[in-house]
Protein backbone atom coordinates (compact mmCIF):
# COMPACT_ATOMS: atom_id res chain seq x y z
CA MET A 1 5.39 -16.97 24.55
CA ILE A 2 3.19 -15.98 27.47
CA VAL A 3 5.07 -15.82 30.78
CA ARG A 4 4.56 -14.13 34.11
CA THR A 5 7.23 -11.63 35.14
CA LEU A 6 8.39 -11.14 38.70
CA THR A 7 11.07 -8.94 40.17
CA LYS A 8 14.09 -10.50 41.80
CA HIS A 9 13.18 -8.64 44.97
CA ALA A 10 9.65 -10.08 44.99
CA VAL A 11 11.00 -13.62 44.62
CA GLU A 12 13.58 -13.07 47.38
CA THR A 13 11.02 -11.71 49.82
CA GLU A 14 8.13 -13.97 48.78
CA PRO A 15 9.57 -17.19 47.33
CA TRP A 16 6.08 -18.62 46.86
CA SER A 17 5.36 -15.91 44.29
CA VAL A 18 6.96 -18.08 41.57
CA TRP A 19 4.47 -20.87 42.30
CA ASN A 20 1.60 -18.38 42.43
CA ALA A 21 2.60 -16.89 39.08
CA TYR A 22 2.83 -20.39 37.57
CA VAL A 23 -0.61 -21.35 38.84
CA ASN A 24 -2.01 -18.04 37.61
CA LEU A 25 -0.67 -18.71 34.12
CA LEU A 26 -2.02 -22.27 34.09
CA ALA A 27 -5.43 -21.21 35.36
CA MET A 28 -5.97 -17.99 33.47
CA GLU A 29 -4.49 -18.50 30.00
CA ASP A 30 -6.29 -20.23 27.18
CA TYR A 31 -4.82 -23.52 25.99
CA ARG A 32 -4.52 -22.22 22.40
CA ASP A 33 -2.32 -19.33 23.54
CA LEU A 34 0.19 -21.50 25.39
CA SER A 35 3.46 -22.85 24.05
CA PRO A 36 3.98 -26.59 23.53
CA GLU A 37 6.09 -26.69 26.70
CA GLN A 38 3.36 -24.97 28.75
CA ARG A 39 0.41 -27.01 27.51
CA PRO A 40 1.12 -30.25 29.42
CA ALA A 41 1.19 -28.42 32.75
CA HIS A 42 -2.02 -26.58 31.84
CA LEU A 43 -3.80 -29.84 31.02
CA VAL A 44 -2.59 -31.58 34.19
CA PHE A 45 -3.51 -28.53 36.29
CA TRP A 46 -7.09 -28.57 35.01
CA TYR A 47 -7.39 -32.35 35.37
CA GLU A 48 -6.22 -32.03 38.99
CA HIS A 49 -8.52 -29.07 39.63
CA GLU A 50 -11.67 -30.71 38.29
CA VAL A 51 -11.12 -34.12 39.90
CA GLN A 52 -10.27 -32.56 43.27
CA ASN A 53 -13.44 -30.45 43.12
CA GLY A 54 -15.94 -32.95 41.75
CA GLY A 55 -14.32 -36.15 40.56
CA HIS A 56 -13.93 -37.55 37.09
CA PHE A 57 -17.60 -36.99 36.33
CA GLN A 58 -17.12 -33.24 36.81
CA TYR A 59 -13.87 -33.35 34.81
CA PHE A 60 -15.61 -34.81 31.78
CA GLU A 61 -18.73 -32.66 32.16
CA ASN A 62 -16.76 -29.44 32.40
CA LEU A 63 -13.84 -30.11 30.07
CA GLY A 64 -15.15 -32.79 27.71
CA THR A 65 -12.82 -35.00 25.72
CA GLU A 66 -11.30 -32.56 23.21
CA HIS A 67 -7.85 -32.69 24.88
CA LEU A 68 -8.20 -36.12 26.47
CA ALA A 69 -5.39 -37.85 24.53
CA GLU A 70 -3.08 -34.90 25.15
CA THR A 71 -3.92 -34.92 28.87
CA ILE A 72 -3.10 -38.62 29.10
CA SER A 73 0.25 -37.93 27.39
CA ALA A 74 0.85 -34.91 29.64
CA LEU A 75 0.39 -37.07 32.73
CA GLU A 76 3.13 -39.37 31.46
CA LEU A 77 5.40 -36.42 30.70
CA LEU A 78 4.93 -35.12 34.26
CA ARG A 79 5.64 -38.62 35.61
CA ALA A 80 2.14 -39.14 36.96
CA THR A 81 1.72 -42.70 35.67
CA GLY A 82 -0.82 -43.72 38.32
CA GLN A 83 -3.13 -40.85 37.41
CA GLN A 84 -2.47 -41.53 33.73
CA GLN A 85 -3.78 -45.09 34.09
CA ILE A 86 -6.80 -43.88 36.05
CA LEU A 87 -7.66 -41.28 33.41
CA ARG A 88 -7.37 -43.96 30.71
CA GLU A 89 -9.85 -46.12 32.62
CA ALA A 90 -12.14 -43.18 33.34
CA SER A 91 -12.12 -42.17 29.68
CA GLU A 92 -13.09 -45.70 28.62
CA LEU A 93 -15.99 -45.58 31.07
CA TRP A 94 -17.05 -42.09 29.97
CA LEU A 95 -16.92 -42.99 26.27
CA SER A 96 -18.63 -46.36 26.73
CA ARG A 97 -22.09 -44.89 26.36
CA SER A 98 -23.91 -41.93 24.93
CA ARG A 99 -24.31 -39.09 27.40
CA PRO A 100 -26.79 -36.26 26.92
CA ARG A 101 -25.42 -32.83 27.74
CA ILE A 102 -26.46 -31.84 31.26
CA GLN A 103 -28.47 -28.63 31.29
CA THR A 104 -29.42 -28.06 34.92
CA VAL A 105 -28.03 -28.44 38.42
CA GLU A 106 -30.71 -31.03 39.12
CA GLU A 107 -29.59 -33.12 36.12
CA PHE A 108 -25.97 -32.87 37.28
CA CYS A 109 -26.85 -33.99 40.81
CA ALA A 110 -28.96 -36.90 39.52
CA ALA A 111 -26.14 -38.07 37.24
CA GLU A 112 -23.54 -37.67 39.99
CA LEU A 113 -25.67 -39.80 42.33
CA GLU A 114 -25.03 -42.75 40.00
CA ARG A 115 -21.48 -42.70 41.42
CA GLU A 116 -20.03 -44.50 38.41
CA PHE A 117 -16.58 -42.91 38.93
CA ASN A 118 -16.31 -43.34 42.72
CA THR A 119 -13.73 -46.14 42.61
CA LEU A 120 -11.58 -44.25 40.12
CA ASP A 121 -11.90 -41.05 42.15
CA SER A 122 -10.77 -42.90 45.29
CA ARG A 123 -7.81 -44.41 43.48
CA PHE A 124 -6.87 -40.96 42.13
CA HIS A 125 -6.66 -39.55 45.65
CA LEU A 126 -4.33 -42.36 46.73
CA CYS A 127 -1.82 -41.84 43.90
CA THR A 128 1.75 -40.88 44.64
CA PRO A 129 3.24 -38.61 43.74
CA ALA A 130 0.28 -36.23 43.93
CA LEU A 131 -0.29 -34.11 40.83
CA VAL A 132 0.61 -30.94 42.70
CA ASP A 133 4.05 -32.46 43.31
CA CYS A 134 4.37 -33.38 39.64
CA LEU A 135 3.41 -29.84 38.66
CA GLU A 136 5.98 -28.43 41.08
CA THR A 137 8.72 -30.61 39.60
CA TYR A 138 7.72 -29.52 36.10
CA LEU A 139 7.93 -25.88 37.18
CA ASN A 140 11.37 -26.44 38.69
CA ASP A 141 12.55 -28.08 35.46
CA HIS A 142 10.99 -25.49 33.11
CA GLN A 143 10.65 -22.32 35.17
CA SER A 144 11.82 -19.98 32.40
CA SER A 145 8.92 -21.18 30.24
CA PHE A 146 6.45 -19.91 32.83
CA VAL A 147 8.04 -17.24 35.02
CA ARG A 148 10.66 -14.63 34.14
CA ILE A 149 12.56 -13.07 37.01
CA GLU A 150 14.03 -9.63 36.34
């Protein structure tokens, strides 16, 4: 299992280093290389990242739908039921029509200007708890699966 290792001294002097190591693992490791316990956090991290940076349109454009069902389940596991419902609705909208693969920045901007996900994006930002809080709780409950302290 892939984990990040920190010294006890580092954690005592920089308590945030556990969170940073967790985020590093979620961001830098490939989904296929993660354990079943790590994968839900990875999927939720990337959902959060993409929607925060460009909304659901960017999420689907960048990540596609390969892990969509697993991401919806991961949101439930991390107790993010509001975001889970929003992703279900967004996925129905995304899958409701054929979408050509965007090839250029201009095509992306033109498609984004349609604003078909705006309402869902707004609802996402109003959800409580926020996904970062859900990820933090998951880390607290499963720290040894992500960060080893020696």
